[in-house]
């Protein structure tokens, strides 16, 4: 059993409340647009981290993170990429992967829109945690918290961190 804290699009901002909200997590996943190498280093020092770089990430972050992560955990085949789309509107790169070797969980960021959708065509759960940072067009900062346990997803929780204009 693994507890996961999933964030994306921090754009160099880290809400310190995540330290408490994700205290029970075994791993943190970041779906890109970290923004600052110091934030990446803070996340790595805090918890085991699986992350990908995003379109705003500089060469320092791109040297540390891959564009695509593919891994197995608790009976799930997970694919993570920053710009990947969602069911019915996958990016070309992700569309090819879905046609030839679909994962059981697909994680993307970029849109700043929280979505959890089951793709019936590929038997795959799509997750986008929205944006946890204060940059971008979103109005509410969000994250996801869930448990992976021997092929089952449990206790999925949407975390609303509040309006991006009000930073506590």
Protein backbone atom coordinates (compact mmCIF):
# COMPACT_ATOMS: atom_id res chain seq x y z
CA UNK A 1 0.00 0.00 0.00
CA UNK A 2 1.29 3.44 -0.99
CA UNK A 3 -0.19 6.84 -0.16
CA UNK A 4 0.38 9.36 -2.96
CA UNK A 5 0.28 13.14 -2.98
CA UNK A 6 -0.13 14.42 -6.55
CA UNK A 7 0.58 18.01 -7.57
CA UNK A 8 1.34 19.91 -10.74
CA UNK A 9 2.03 23.39 -12.02
CA UNK A 10 3.60 24.77 -8.86
CA UNK A 11 5.39 27.43 -10.94
CA UNK A 12 7.99 27.95 -8.16
CA UNK A 13 5.37 28.26 -5.39
CA UNK A 14 4.96 25.72 -2.59
CA UNK A 15 2.04 25.92 -0.18
CA UNK A 16 3.51 24.95 3.20
CA UNK A 17 0.17 23.39 4.18
CA UNK A 18 1.04 20.52 1.85
CA UNK A 19 3.62 19.44 4.43
CA UNK A 20 0.75 18.59 6.77
CA UNK A 21 -1.77 17.51 4.11
CA UNK A 22 0.74 15.06 2.59
CA UNK A 23 2.41 14.05 5.86
CA UNK A 24 1.11 10.46 5.54
CA UNK A 25 2.22 10.12 1.91
CA UNK A 26 4.83 7.59 0.91
CA UNK A 27 5.55 9.42 -2.35
CA UNK A 28 4.94 12.79 -3.96
CA UNK A 29 4.25 12.92 -7.68
CA UNK A 30 4.70 16.21 -9.57
CA UNK A 31 3.29 16.39 -13.10
CA UNK A 32 5.52 19.20 -14.33
CA UNK A 33 6.07 22.94 -14.31
CA UNK A 34 8.01 22.84 -11.06
CA UNK A 35 9.44 26.25 -11.87
CA UNK A 36 12.48 26.52 -9.60
CA UNK A 37 15.31 24.09 -8.86
CA UNK A 38 15.15 25.04 -5.15
CA UNK A 39 11.55 23.81 -5.03
CA UNK A 40 12.55 20.59 -6.77
CA UNK A 41 15.34 20.06 -4.23
CA UNK A 42 12.95 20.78 -1.35
CA UNK A 43 10.50 18.16 -2.65
CA UNK A 44 13.29 15.59 -3.14
CA UNK A 45 14.55 16.16 0.41
CA UNK A 46 11.06 15.87 1.89
CA UNK A 47 9.63 12.65 0.41
CA UNK A 48 10.42 10.19 -2.37
CA UNK A 49 9.56 12.07 -5.55
CA UNK A 50 8.45 11.01 -9.01
CA UNK A 51 8.27 13.97 -11.35
CA UNK A 52 8.51 15.16 -14.94
CA UNK A 53 9.58 18.48 -16.34
CA UNK A 54 7.07 20.88 -17.84
CA UNK A 55 7.12 23.50 -20.55
CA UNK A 56 8.19 26.33 -18.19
CA UNK A 57 11.01 24.35 -16.57
CA UNK A 58 14.53 25.49 -17.33
CA UNK A 59 17.62 23.47 -18.23
CA UNK A 60 18.53 22.84 -14.58
CA UNK A 61 15.21 21.11 -13.93
CA UNK A 62 15.25 19.35 -17.31
CA UNK A 63 18.66 17.94 -16.40
CA UNK A 64 17.14 16.45 -13.22
CA UNK A 65 13.77 15.23 -14.53
CA UNK A 66 12.61 13.27 -17.57
CA UNK A 67 9.89 14.39 -19.97
CA UNK A 68 8.06 11.10 -19.42
CA UNK A 69 8.00 8.79 -16.40
CA UNK A 70 6.75 5.22 -16.75
CA UNK A 71 6.79 3.02 -13.67
CA UNK A 72 4.96 0.24 -11.88
CA UNK A 73 3.65 0.64 -8.36
CA UNK A 74 1.19 -1.46 -6.34
CA UNK A 75 -0.04 -3.31 -9.43
CA UNK A 76 -0.45 -0.18 -11.58
CA UNK A 77 1.41 0.78 -14.74
CA UNK A 78 1.73 4.56 -14.47
CA UNK A 79 2.57 7.01 -17.25
CA UNK A 80 3.29 10.64 -16.33
CA UNK A 81 3.93 13.54 -18.72
CA UNK A 82 3.26 17.25 -18.35
CA UNK A 83 1.51 17.97 -21.65
CA UNK A 84 -0.54 14.89 -22.38
CA UNK A 85 -4.16 15.88 -22.78
CA UNK A 86 -7.04 13.78 -21.52
CA UNK A 87 -9.38 11.05 -22.77
CA UNK A 88 -10.56 11.86 -26.27
CA UNK A 89 -8.00 14.68 -26.61
CA UNK A 90 -4.59 13.15 -25.98
CA UNK A 91 -1.45 14.81 -27.32
CA UNK A 92 0.07 13.06 -30.36
CA UNK A 93 2.87 11.51 -28.26
CA UNK A 94 0.41 10.16 -25.68
CA UNK A 95 -2.05 9.00 -28.37
CA UNK A 96 0.64 6.74 -29.81
CA UNK A 97 1.43 5.29 -26.37
CA UNK A 98 -2.26 4.72 -25.70
CA UNK A 99 -2.74 2.90 -28.99
CA UNK A 100 0.29 0.64 -28.55
CA UNK A 101 0.85 0.19 -24.80
CA UNK A 102 -1.69 2.00 -22.59
CA UNK A 103 -0.94 2.41 -18.88
CA UNK A 104 -3.51 1.76 -16.16
CA UNK A 105 -2.98 5.26 -14.71
CA UNK A 106 -2.17 8.30 -16.84
CA UNK A 107 -1.04 11.47 -15.07
CA UNK A 108 -0.75 14.85 -16.78
CA UNK A 109 -0.59 18.49 -15.79
CA UNK A 110 -0.39 21.66 -17.89
CA UNK A 111 -4.10 22.55 -18.18
CA UNK A 112 -4.38 23.84 -14.58
CA UNK A 113 -7.77 22.08 -14.57
CA UNK A 114 -8.31 19.27 -12.08
CA UNK A 115 -9.72 16.18 -13.82
CA UNK A 116 -10.09 12.56 -12.82
CA UNK A 117 -11.62 10.61 -15.72
CA UNK A 118 -11.78 6.93 -16.49
CA UNK A 119 -10.93 6.28 -20.14
CA UNK A 120 -13.17 3.35 -21.10
CA UNK A 121 -11.48 2.97 -24.48
CA UNK A 122 -8.06 2.24 -22.96
CA UNK A 123 -9.14 1.00 -19.50
CA UNK A 124 -7.04 3.74 -17.96
CA UNK A 125 -7.61 6.26 -15.17
CA UNK A 126 -6.58 9.77 -16.18
CA UNK A 127 -5.58 12.15 -13.38
CA UNK A 128 -4.68 15.82 -13.61
CA UNK A 129 -4.33 17.43 -10.17
CA UNK A 130 -4.86 20.95 -11.49
CA UNK A 131 -2.42 23.63 -10.37
CA UNK A 132 -1.05 24.08 -6.86
CA UNK A 133 0.83 27.27 -7.71
CA UNK A 134 -0.23 30.90 -7.92
CA UNK A 135 0.61 31.51 -11.60
CA UNK A 136 -1.82 30.80 -14.41
CA UNK A 137 -5.47 31.24 -15.27
CA UNK A 138 -6.93 28.87 -12.65
CA UNK A 139 -8.83 30.42 -9.77
CA UNK A 140 -8.53 27.65 -7.16
CA UNK A 141 -5.28 25.83 -6.32
CA UNK A 142 -5.74 22.06 -6.14
CA UNK A 143 -3.99 18.74 -5.51
CA UNK A 144 -4.92 15.05 -5.22
CA UNK A 145 -4.31 12.56 -2.41
CA UNK A 146 -5.00 8.83 -2.80
CA UNK A 147 -3.94 5.31 -1.91
CA UNK A 148 -2.72 2.60 -4.27
CA UNK A 149 -3.17 -0.86 -2.81
CA UNK A 150 -2.57 -4.07 -4.78
CA UNK A 151 -4.33 -2.90 -7.95
CA UNK A 152 -6.98 -0.80 -6.21
CA UNK A 153 -7.23 2.97 -5.89
CA UNK A 154 -8.70 4.03 -2.57
CA UNK A 155 -9.47 7.17 -0.60
CA UNK A 156 -9.20 9.59 -3.54
CA UNK A 157 -9.36 13.10 -2.13
CA UNK A 158 -9.46 16.42 -3.96
CA UNK A 159 -7.60 19.05 -1.97
CA UNK A 160 -8.58 22.66 -2.48
CA UNK A 161 -5.77 24.94 -1.32
CA UNK A 162 -7.85 28.06 -1.80
CA UNK A 163 -7.93 30.87 -4.33
CA UNK A 164 -4.65 31.54 -6.06
CA UNK A 165 -4.98 35.23 -5.22
CA UNK A 166 -5.09 34.51 -1.47
CA UNK A 167 -1.86 32.93 -0.33
CA UNK A 168 -1.79 31.93 3.33
